[in-house]
């Protein structure tokens, strides 16, 4: 047999004692300010483009297709292709100040 000796753990209770008294908060802190939704001025002015629910759905589909091109099922039907063109034209018109 080996002559293995166990180390004694005397003093280990010092490792687990609280290091400081719990802090008592007497006042409730003011609420944190909400983050601003405004973009920095160098990014340019913000545009408000009125979109219908169908146009928002179309944009979400386009973003999904751009993000995951490997999941594209088949080429776009002509009707959807034309809807993309109409939405692009609408967005360009608002960007150019129309």
PDB file of N, CA and C in Angstrom:
ATOM      1  N   UNK A   1       0.815  -1.184   0.000  1.00  0.00           N
ATOM      2  CA  UNK A   1       0.000   0.000   0.000  1.00  0.00           C
ATOM      3  C   UNK A   1       0.860   1.250   0.000  1.00  0.00           C
ATOM      4  N   UNK A   2       0.264   2.350  -0.522  1.00  0.00           N
ATOM      5  CA  UNK A   2       1.028   3.590  -0.569  1.00  0.00           C
ATOM      6  C   UNK A   2       0.937   4.297   0.773  1.00  0.00           C
ATOM      7  N   UNK A   3       1.778   5.233   0.935  1.00  0.00           N
ATOM      8  CA  UNK A   3       1.800   5.997   2.185  1.00  0.00           C
ATOM      9  C   UNK A   3       1.182   7.368   1.951  1.00  0.00           C
ATOM     10  N   UNK A   4      -0.032   7.364   1.417  1.00  0.00           N
ATOM     11  CA  UNK A   4      -0.735   8.621   1.124  1.00  0.00           C
ATOM     12  C   UNK A   4      -1.261   9.208   2.411  1.00  0.00           C
ATOM     13  N   UNK A   5      -0.997  10.483   2.621  1.00  0.00           N
ATOM     14  CA  UNK A   5      -1.489  11.162   3.823  1.00  0.00           C
ATOM     15  C   UNK A   5      -2.505  12.211   3.398  1.00  0.00           C
ATOM     16  N   UNK A   6      -3.602  12.257   4.091  1.00  0.00           N
ATOM     17  CA  UNK A   6      -4.630  13.261   3.819  1.00  0.00           C
ATOM     18  C   UNK A   6      -4.236  14.580   4.459  1.00  0.00           C
ATOM     19  N   UNK A   7      -4.544  15.641   3.747  1.00  0.00           N
ATOM     20  CA  UNK A   7      -4.283  16.966   4.309  1.00  0.00           C
ATOM     21  C   UNK A   7      -5.464  17.348   5.186  1.00  0.00           C
ATOM     22  N   UNK A   8      -5.177  17.968   6.263  1.00  0.00           N
ATOM     23  CA  UNK A   8      -6.261  18.397   7.140  1.00  0.00           C
ATOM     24  C   UNK A   8      -6.812  19.718   6.637  1.00  0.00           C
ATOM     25  N   UNK A   9      -8.091  19.931   6.840  1.00  0.00           N
ATOM     26  CA  UNK A   9      -8.759  21.121   6.345  1.00  0.00           C
ATOM     27  C   UNK A   9      -8.996  22.131   7.456  1.00  0.00           C
ATOM     28  N   UNK A  10      -8.119  22.217   8.359  1.00  0.00           N
ATOM     29  CA  UNK A  10      -8.289  23.202   9.421  1.00  0.00           C
ATOM     30  C   UNK A  10      -8.181  24.598   8.841  1.00  0.00           C
ATOM     31  N   UNK A  11      -9.083  25.454   9.256  1.00  0.00           N
ATOM     32  CA  UNK A  11      -9.075  26.823   8.777  1.00  0.00           C
ATOM     33  C   UNK A  11      -9.911  27.026   7.528  1.00  0.00           C
ATOM     34  N   UNK A  12     -10.517  25.955   6.969  1.00  0.00           N
ATOM     35  CA  UNK A  12     -11.296  26.124   5.748  1.00  0.00           C
ATOM     36  C   UNK A  12     -12.560  26.928   5.988  1.00  0.00           C
ATOM     37  N   UNK A  13     -13.021  26.980   7.219  1.00  0.00           N
ATOM     38  CA  UNK A  13     -14.217  27.798   7.490  1.00  0.00           C
ATOM     39  C   UNK A  13     -13.945  29.273   7.220  1.00  0.00           C
ATOM     40  N   UNK A  14     -12.703  29.665   7.226  1.00  0.00           N
ATOM     41  CA  UNK A  14     -12.352  31.057   6.901  1.00  0.00           C
ATOM     42  C   UNK A  14     -12.661  31.369   5.446  1.00  0.00           C
ATOM     43  N   UNK A  15     -12.603  30.375   4.600  1.00  0.00           N
ATOM     44  CA  UNK A  15     -12.876  30.596   3.185  1.00  0.00           C
ATOM     45  C   UNK A  15     -14.346  30.905   2.918  1.00  0.00           C
ATOM     46  N   UNK A  16     -15.227  30.434   3.776  1.00  0.00           N
ATOM     47  CA  UNK A  16     -16.647  30.561   3.528  1.00  0.00           C
ATOM     48  C   UNK A  16     -17.351  31.570   4.420  1.00  0.00           C
ATOM     49  N   UNK A  17     -16.619  32.318   5.196  1.00  0.00           N
ATOM     50  CA  UNK A  17     -17.266  33.322   6.045  1.00  0.00           C
ATOM     51  C   UNK A  17     -17.595  34.555   5.207  1.00  0.00           C
ATOM     52  N   UNK A  18     -18.643  35.288   5.566  1.00  0.00           N
ATOM     53  CA  UNK A  18     -18.964  36.516   4.828  1.00  0.00           C
ATOM     54  C   UNK A  18     -17.827  37.525   4.966  1.00  0.00           C
ATOM     55  N   UNK A  19     -17.531  38.203   3.887  1.00  0.00           N
ATOM     56  CA  UNK A  19     -16.422  39.149   3.907  1.00  0.00           C
ATOM     57  C   UNK A  19     -16.851  40.551   4.309  1.00  0.00           C
ATOM     58  N   UNK A  20     -18.118  40.856   4.156  1.00  0.00           N
ATOM     59  CA  UNK A  20     -18.596  42.191   4.525  1.00  0.00           C
ATOM     60  C   UNK A  20     -20.042  42.075   4.996  1.00  0.00           C
ATOM     61  N   UNK A  21     -20.460  43.083   5.743  1.00  0.00           N
ATOM     62  CA  UNK A  21     -21.859  43.098   6.168  1.00  0.00           C
ATOM     63  C   UNK A  21     -22.739  43.387   4.964  1.00  0.00           C
ATOM     64  N   UNK A  22     -23.965  42.860   4.963  1.00  0.00           N
ATOM     65  CA  UNK A  22     -24.863  43.177   3.854  1.00  0.00           C
ATOM     66  C   UNK A  22     -25.181  44.659   3.815  1.00  0.00           C
ATOM     67  N   UNK A  23     -25.210  45.202   2.628  1.00  0.00           N
ATOM     68  CA  UNK A  23     -25.476  46.617   2.440  1.00  0.00           C
ATOM     69  C   UNK A  23     -26.964  46.884   2.543  1.00  0.00           C
ATOM     70  N   UNK A  24     -27.327  47.898   3.315  1.00  0.00           N
ATOM     71  CA  UNK A  24     -28.724  48.268   3.464  1.00  0.00           C
ATOM     72  C   UNK A  24     -28.965  49.530   2.645  1.00  0.00           C
ATOM     73  N   UNK A  25     -29.917  49.450   1.713  1.00  0.00           N
ATOM     74  CA  UNK A  25     -30.248  50.592   0.877  1.00  0.00           C
ATOM     75  C   UNK A  25     -31.458  51.269   1.496  1.00  0.00           C
ATOM     76  N   UNK A  26     -31.278  52.519   1.883  1.00  0.00           N
ATOM     77  CA  UNK A  26     -32.360  53.220   2.558  1.00  0.00           C
ATOM     78  C   UNK A  26     -33.297  53.908   1.583  1.00  0.00           C
ATOM     79  N   UNK A  27     -32.789  54.424   0.485  1.00  0.00           N
ATOM     80  CA  UNK A  27     -33.608  55.097  -0.504  1.00  0.00           C
ATOM     81  C   UNK A  27     -33.671  54.253  -1.763  1.00  0.00           C
ATOM     82  N   UNK A  28     -34.786  54.349  -2.437  1.00  0.00           N
ATOM     83  CA  UNK A  28     -34.855  53.668  -3.722  1.00  0.00           C
ATOM     84  C   UNK A  28     -34.134  54.543  -4.740  1.00  0.00           C
ATOM     85  N   UNK A  29     -33.274  53.933  -5.526  1.00  0.00           N
ATOM     86  CA  UNK A  29     -32.534  54.728  -6.508  1.00  0.00           C
ATOM     87  C   UNK A  29     -33.473  55.230  -7.596  1.00  0.00           C
ATOM     88  N   UNK A  30     -33.127  56.355  -8.222  1.00  0.00           N
ATOM     89  CA  UNK A  30     -33.978  56.850  -9.308  1.00  0.00           C
ATOM     90  C   UNK A  30     -33.962  55.848 -10.456  1.00  0.00           C
ATOM     91  N   UNK A  31     -35.059  55.760 -11.175  1.00  0.00           N
ATOM     92  CA  UNK A  31     -35.082  54.794 -12.280  1.00  0.00           C
ATOM     93  C   UNK A  31     -34.066  55.179 -13.345  1.00  0.00           C
ATOM     94  N   UNK A  32     -33.489  54.152 -13.936  1.00  0.00           N
ATOM     95  CA  UNK A  32     -32.496  54.392 -14.980  1.00  0.00           C
ATOM     96  C   UNK A  32     -33.188  54.999 -16.195  1.00  0.00           C
ATOM     97  N   UNK A  33     -32.542  55.952 -16.854  1.00  0.00           N
ATOM     98  CA  UNK A  33     -33.164  56.539 -18.046  1.00  0.00           C
ATOM     99  C   UNK A  33     -33.283  55.495 -19.146  1.00  0.00           C
ATOM    100  N   UNK A  34     -34.357  55.579 -19.882  1.00  0.00           N
ATOM    101  CA  UNK A  34     -34.554  54.662 -21.000  1.00  0.00           C
ATOM    102  C   UNK A  34     -33.604  55.019 -22.131  1.00  0.00           C
ATOM    103  N   UNK A  35     -33.103  54.015 -22.826  1.00  0.00           N
ATOM    104  CA  UNK A  35     -32.196  54.336 -23.939  1.00  0.00           C
ATOM    105  C   UNK A  35     -32.941  55.103 -25.021  1.00  0.00           C
ATOM    106  N   UNK A  36     -32.243  56.030 -25.600  1.00  0.00           N
ATOM    107  CA  UNK A  36     -32.840  56.871 -26.631  1.00  0.00           C
ATOM    108  C   UNK A  36     -32.961  56.083 -27.927  1.00  0.00           C
ATOM    109  N   UNK A  37     -34.070  56.274 -28.597  1.00  0.00           N
ATOM    110  CA  UNK A  37     -34.259  55.627 -29.888  1.00  0.00           C
ATOM    111  C   UNK A  37     -33.718  56.479 -31.026  1.00  0.00           C
ATOM    112  N   UNK A  38     -33.282  57.672 -30.692  1.00  0.00           N
ATOM    113  CA  UNK A  38     -32.732  58.563 -31.715  1.00  0.00           C
ATOM    114  C   UNK A  38     -31.356  58.075 -32.127  1.00  0.00           C
ATOM    115  N   UNK A  39     -31.091  58.136 -33.391  1.00  0.00           N
ATOM    116  CA  UNK A  39     -29.771  57.771 -33.891  1.00  0.00           C
ATOM    117  C   UNK A  39     -28.885  59.003 -33.869  1.00  0.00           C
ATOM    118  N   UNK A  40     -27.592  58.807 -33.853  1.00  0.00           N
ATOM    119  CA  UNK A  40     -26.695  59.962 -33.898  1.00  0.00           C
ATOM    120  C   UNK A  40     -26.946  60.790 -35.154  1.00  0.00           C
ATOM    121  N   UNK A  41     -26.656  62.080 -35.049  1.00  0.00           N
ATOM    122  CA  UNK A  41     -26.922  62.998 -36.161  1.00  0.00           C
ATOM    123  C   UNK A  41     -26.123  62.650 -37.410  1.00  0.00           C
ATOM    124  N   UNK A  42     -24.936  62.044 -37.248  1.00  0.00           N
ATOM    125  CA  UNK A  42     -24.130  61.769 -38.425  1.00  0.00           C
ATOM    126  C   UNK A  42     -24.741  60.684 -39.311  1.00  0.00           C
ATOM    127  N   UNK A  43     -25.709  59.925 -38.789  1.00  0.00           N
ATOM    128  CA  UNK A  43     -26.317  58.896 -39.620  1.00  0.00           C
ATOM    129  C   UNK A  43     -27.381  59.467 -40.553  1.00  0.00           C
ATOM    130  N   UNK A  44     -27.723  60.715 -40.386  1.00  0.00           N
ATOM    131  CA  UNK A  44     -28.687  61.347 -41.274  1.00  0.00           C
ATOM    132  C   UNK A  44     -30.066  61.397 -40.652  1.00  0.00           C
ATOM    133  N   UNK A  45     -30.960  62.099 -41.303  1.00  0.00           N
ATOM    134  CA  UNK A  45     -32.315  62.232 -40.751  1.00  0.00           C
ATOM    135  C   UNK A  45     -33.070  60.914 -40.852  1.00  0.00           C
ATOM    136  N   UNK A  46     -34.005  60.746 -39.947  1.00  0.00           N
ATOM    137  CA  UNK A  46     -34.838  59.547 -39.957  1.00  0.00           C
ATOM    138  C   UNK A  46     -36.050  59.794 -40.833  1.00  0.00           C
ATOM    139  N   UNK A  47     -36.460  58.788 -41.550  1.00  0.00           N
ATOM    140  CA  UNK A  47     -37.624  58.876 -42.411  1.00  0.00           C
ATOM    141  C   UNK A  47     -38.758  58.073 -41.814  1.00  0.00           C
ATOM    142  N   UNK A  48     -39.948  58.585 -41.956  1.00  0.00           N
ATOM    143  CA  UNK A  48     -41.125  57.838 -41.546  1.00  0.00           C
ATOM    144  C   UNK A  48     -41.885  57.474 -42.807  1.00  0.00           C
ATOM    145  N   UNK A  49     -41.916  56.180 -43.070  1.00  0.00           N
ATOM    146  CA  UNK A  49     -42.572  55.690 -44.275  1.00  0.00           C
ATOM    147  C   UNK A  49     -43.808  54.901 -43.838  1.00  0.00           C
ATOM    148  N   UNK A  50     -44.984  55.336 -44.248  1.00  0.00           N
ATOM    149  CA  UNK A  50     -46.181  54.571 -43.884  1.00  0.00           C
ATOM    150  C   UNK A  50     -46.242  53.266 -44.674  1.00  0.00           C
ATOM    151  N   UNK A  51     -46.276  52.146 -43.971  1.00  0.00           N
ATOM    152  CA  UNK A  51     -46.317  50.842 -44.615  1.00  0.00           C
ATOM    153  C   UNK A  51     -47.573  50.093 -44.182  1.00  0.00           C
ATOM    154  N   UNK A  52     -48.137  49.352 -45.100  1.00  0.00           N
ATOM    155  CA  UNK A  52     -49.279  48.509 -44.776  1.00  0.00           C
ATOM    156  C   UNK A  52     -48.771  47.212 -44.152  1.00  0.00           C
ATOM    157  N   UNK A  53     -49.663  46.449 -43.588  1.00  0.00           N
ATOM    158  CA  UNK A  53     -49.285  45.159 -42.996  1.00  0.00           C
ATOM    159  C   UNK A  53     -48.731  44.230 -44.072  1.00  0.00           C
ATOM    160  N   UNK A  54     -49.326  44.256 -45.251  1.00  0.00           N
ATOM    161  CA  UNK A  54     -48.833  43.416 -46.348  1.00  0.00           C
ATOM    162  C   UNK A  54     -47.417  43.804 -46.757  1.00  0.00           C
ATOM    163  N   UNK A  55     -47.132  45.109 -46.781  1.00  0.00           N
ATOM    164  CA  UNK A  55     -45.788  45.570 -47.151  1.00  0.00           C
ATOM    165  C   UNK A  55     -44.771  45.178 -46.077  1.00  0.00           C
ATOM    166  N   UNK A  56     -45.167  45.244 -44.819  1.00  0.00           N
ATOM    167  CA  UNK A  56     -44.258  44.827 -43.744  1.00  0.00           C
ATOM    168  C   UNK A  56     -43.980  43.330 -43.851  1.00  0.00           C
ATOM    169  N   UNK A  57     -45.026  42.541 -44.114  1.00  0.00           N
ATOM    170  CA  UNK A  57     -44.826  41.100 -44.298  1.00  0.00           C
ATOM    171  C   UNK A  57     -43.893  40.814 -45.473  1.00  0.00           C
ATOM    172  N   UNK A  58     -44.059  41.568 -46.539  1.00  0.00           N
ATOM    173  CA  UNK A  58     -43.197  41.398 -47.707  1.00  0.00           C
ATOM    174  C   UNK A  58     -41.743  41.718 -47.362  1.00  0.00           C
ATOM    175  N   UNK A  59     -41.526  42.790 -46.603  1.00  0.00           N
ATOM    176  CA  UNK A  59     -40.168  43.129 -46.175  1.00  0.00           C
ATOM    177  C   UNK A  59     -39.579  42.045 -45.276  1.00  0.00           C
ATOM    178  N   UNK A  60     -40.374  41.517 -44.355  1.00  0.00           N
ATOM    179  CA  UNK A  60     -39.891  40.458 -43.473  1.00  0.00           C
ATOM    180  C   UNK A  60     -39.505  39.214 -44.271  1.00  0.00           C
ATOM    181  N   UNK A  61     -40.312  38.870 -45.266  1.00  0.00           N
ATOM    182  CA  UNK A  61     -39.974  37.736 -46.133  1.00  0.00           C
ATOM    183  C   UNK A  61     -38.672  37.986 -46.879  1.00  0.00           C
ATOM    184  N   UNK A  62     -38.501  39.211 -47.382  1.00  0.00           N
ATOM    185  CA  UNK A  62     -37.287  39.541 -48.137  1.00  0.00           C
ATOM    186  C   UNK A  62     -36.051  39.482 -47.239  1.00  0.00           C
ATOM    187  N   UNK A  63     -36.186  39.977 -46.004  1.00  0.00           N
ATOM    188  CA  UNK A  63     -35.056  39.933 -45.072  1.00  0.00           C
ATOM    189  C   UNK A  63     -34.715  38.485 -44.747  1.00  0.00           C
ATOM    190  N   UNK A  64     -35.740  37.667 -44.525  1.00  0.00           N
ATOM    191  CA  UNK A  64     -35.504  36.256 -44.224  1.00  0.00           C
ATOM    192  C   UNK A  64     -34.812  35.554 -45.395  1.00  0.00           C
ATOM    193  N   UNK A  65     -35.266  35.832 -46.610  1.00  0.00           N
ATOM    194  CA  UNK A  65     -34.650  35.220 -47.790  1.00  0.00           C
ATOM    195  C   UNK A  65     -33.208  35.685 -47.968  1.00  0.00           C
ATOM    196  N   UNK A  66     -32.945  36.954 -47.652  1.00  0.00           N
ATOM    197  CA  UNK A  66     -31.572  37.457 -47.770  1.00  0.00           C
ATOM    198  C   UNK A  66     -30.676  36.865 -46.688  1.00  0.00           C
ATOM    199  N   UNK A  67     -31.236  36.650 -45.522  1.00  0.00           N
ATOM    200  CA  UNK A  67     -30.453  36.123 -44.411  1.00  0.00           C
ATOM    201  C   UNK A  67     -30.163  34.633 -44.585  1.00  0.00           C
ATOM    202  N   UNK A  68     -31.135  33.902 -45.119  1.00  0.00           N
ATOM    203  CA  UNK A  68     -30.989  32.461 -45.306  1.00  0.00           C
ATOM    204  C   UNK A  68     -31.215  32.093 -46.772  1.00  0.00           C
ATOM    205  N   UNK A  69     -30.281  32.428 -47.660  1.00  0.00           N
ATOM    206  CA  UNK A  69     -30.491  32.157 -49.089  1.00  0.00           C
ATOM    207  C   UNK A  69     -30.551  30.662 -49.404  1.00  0.00           C
ATOM    208  N   UNK A  70     -29.924  29.835 -48.570  1.00  0.00           N
ATOM    209  CA  UNK A  70     -29.933  28.396 -48.841  1.00  0.00           C
ATOM    210  C   UNK A  70     -31.316  27.779 -48.623  1.00  0.00           C
ATOM    211  N   UNK A  71     -32.199  28.496 -47.932  1.00  0.00           N
ATOM    212  CA  UNK A  71     -33.548  27.995 -47.681  1.00  0.00           C
ATOM    213  C   UNK A  71     -34.555  28.451 -48.741  1.00  0.00           C
ATOM    214  N   UNK A  72     -34.095  29.189 -49.729  1.00  0.00           N
ATOM    215  CA  UNK A  72     -35.003  29.663 -50.780  1.00  0.00           C
ATOM    216  C   UNK A  72     -35.595  28.457 -51.497  1.00  0.00           C
ATOM    217  N   UNK A  73     -36.890  28.470 -51.637  1.00  0.00           N
ATOM    218  CA  UNK A  73     -37.584  27.310 -52.197  1.00  0.00           C
ATOM    219  C   UNK A  73     -37.451  27.261 -53.718  1.00  0.00           C
ATOM    220  N   UNK A  74     -37.899  28.308 -54.350  1.00  0.00           N
ATOM    221  CA  UNK A  74     -37.914  28.334 -55.821  1.00  0.00           C
ATOM    222  C   UNK A  74     -37.889  29.794 -56.265  1.00  0.00           C
ATOM    223  N   UNK A  75     -37.742  30.034 -57.552  1.00  0.00           N
ATOM    224  CA  UNK A  75     -37.758  31.433 -58.021  1.00  0.00           C
ATOM    225  C   UNK A  75     -39.078  32.114 -57.670  1.00  0.00           C
ATOM    226  N   UNK A  76     -39.002  33.431 -57.505  1.00  0.00           N
ATOM    227  CA  UNK A  76     -40.185  34.206 -57.137  1.00  0.00           C
ATOM    228  C   UNK A  76     -41.241  34.184 -58.228  1.00  0.00           C
ATOM    229  N   UNK A  77     -42.503  34.085 -57.835  1.00  0.00           N
ATOM    230  CA  UNK A  77     -43.557  34.251 -58.838  1.00  0.00           C
ATOM    231  C   UNK A  77     -43.581  35.699 -59.318  1.00  0.00           C
ATOM    232  N   UNK A  78     -44.056  35.914 -60.524  1.00  0.00           N
ATOM    233  CA  UNK A  78     -44.063  37.242 -61.130  1.00  0.00           C
ATOM    234  C   UNK A  78     -44.820  38.245 -60.264  1.00  0.00           C
ATOM    235  N   UNK A  79     -45.940  37.833 -59.653  1.00  0.00           N
ATOM    236  CA  UNK A  79     -46.745  38.740 -58.820  1.00  0.00           C
ATOM    237  C   UNK A  79     -45.936  39.254 -57.636  1.00  0.00           C
ATOM    238  N   UNK A  80     -45.199  38.362 -56.976  1.00  0.00           N
ATOM    239  CA  UNK A  80     -44.395  38.775 -55.825  1.00  0.00           C
ATOM    240  C   UNK A  80     -43.227  39.646 -56.279  1.00  0.00           C
ATOM    241  N   UNK A  81     -42.654  39.322 -57.398  1.00  0.00           N
ATOM    242  CA  UNK A  81     -41.557  40.112 -57.952  1.00  0.00           C
ATOM    243  C   UNK A  81     -42.021  41.550 -58.196  1.00  0.00           C
ATOM    244  N   UNK A  82     -43.225  41.694 -58.730  1.00  0.00           N
ATOM    245  CA  UNK A  82     -43.781  43.032 -58.984  1.00  0.00           C
ATOM    246  C   UNK A  82     -44.085  43.762 -57.667  1.00  0.00           C
ATOM    247  N   UNK A  83     -44.519  43.023 -56.646  1.00  0.00           N
ATOM    248  CA  UNK A  83     -44.767  43.646 -55.335  1.00  0.00           C
ATOM    249  C   UNK A  83     -43.465  44.173 -54.726  1.00  0.00           C
ATOM    250  N   UNK A  84     -42.375  43.411 -54.905  1.00  0.00           N
ATOM    251  CA  UNK A  84     -41.067  43.881 -54.436  1.00  0.00           C
ATOM    252  C   UNK A  84     -40.673  45.170 -55.151  1.00  0.00           C
ATOM    253  N   UNK A  85     -40.894  45.225 -56.463  1.00  0.00           N
ATOM    254  CA  UNK A  85     -40.576  46.432 -57.226  1.00  0.00           C
ATOM    255  C   UNK A  85     -41.400  47.620 -56.742  1.00  0.00           C
ATOM    256  N   UNK A  86     -42.690  47.411 -56.505  1.00  0.00           N
ATOM    257  CA  UNK A  86     -43.548  48.503 -56.044  1.00  0.00           C
ATOM    258  C   UNK A  86     -43.108  48.996 -54.675  1.00  0.00           C
ATOM    259  N   UNK A  87     -42.742  48.080 -53.792  1.00  0.00           N
ATOM    260  CA  UNK A  87     -42.278  48.480 -52.458  1.00  0.00           C
ATOM    261  C   UNK A  87     -40.948  49.213 -52.544  1.00  0.00           C
ATOM    262  N   UNK A  88     -40.058  48.742 -53.407  1.00  0.00           N
ATOM    263  CA  UNK A  88     -38.778  49.427 -53.591  1.00  0.00           C
ATOM    264  C   UNK A  88     -38.993  50.847 -54.105  1.00  0.00           C
ATOM    265  N   UNK A  89     -39.897  50.988 -55.063  1.00  0.00           N
ATOM    266  CA  UNK A  89     -40.195  52.317 -55.606  1.00  0.00           C
ATOM    267  C   UNK A  89     -40.757  53.240 -54.528  1.00  0.00           C
ATOM    268  N   UNK A  90     -41.629  52.716 -53.687  1.00  0.00           N
ATOM    269  CA  UNK A  90     -42.215  53.512 -52.602  1.00  0.00           C
ATOM    270  C   UNK A  90     -41.140  53.976 -51.624  1.00  0.00           C
ATOM    271  N   UNK A  91     -40.239  53.072 -51.260  1.00  0.00           N
ATOM    272  CA  UNK A  91     -39.166  53.427 -50.327  1.00  0.00           C
ATOM    273  C   UNK A  91     -38.209  54.443 -50.944  1.00  0.00           C
ATOM    274  N   UNK A  92     -37.885  54.270 -52.213  1.00  0.00           N
ATOM    275  CA  UNK A  92     -36.999  55.230 -52.873  1.00  0.00           C
ATOM    276  C   UNK A  92     -37.655  56.603 -52.966  1.00  0.00           C
ATOM    277  N   UNK A  93     -38.953  56.630 -53.223  1.00  0.00           N
ATOM    278  CA  UNK A  93     -39.675  57.892 -53.307  1.00  0.00           C
ATOM    279  C   UNK A  93     -39.629  58.646 -51.966  1.00  0.00           C
ATOM    280  N   UNK A  94     -39.793  57.935 -50.866  1.00  0.00           N
ATOM    281  CA  UNK A  94     -39.734  58.571 -49.550  1.00  0.00           C
ATOM    282  C   UNK A  94     -38.308  58.990 -49.200  1.00  0.00           C
ATOM    283  N   UNK A  95     -37.327  58.221 -49.640  1.00  0.00           N
ATOM    284  CA  UNK A  95     -35.926  58.564 -49.351  1.00  0.00           C
ATOM    285  C   UNK A  95     -35.536  59.841 -50.099  1.00  0.00           C
ATOM    286  N   UNK A  96     -36.057  60.003 -51.307  1.00  0.00           N
ATOM    287  CA  UNK A  96     -35.703  61.161 -52.121  1.00  0.00           C
ATOM    288  C   UNK A  96     -36.563  62.380 -51.804  1.00  0.00           C
ATOM    289  N   UNK A  97     -37.407  62.254 -50.789  1.00  0.00           N
ATOM    290  CA  UNK A  97     -38.173  63.435 -50.358  1.00  0.00           C
ATOM    291  C   UNK A  97     -39.513  63.585 -51.037  1.00  0.00           C
ATOM    292  N   UNK A  98     -39.990  62.562 -51.662  1.00  0.00           N
ATOM    293  CA  UNK A  98     -41.249  62.665 -52.401  1.00  0.00           C
ATOM    294  C   UNK A  98     -42.398  62.422 -51.538  1.00  0.00           C
TER     295      UNK A  98
END
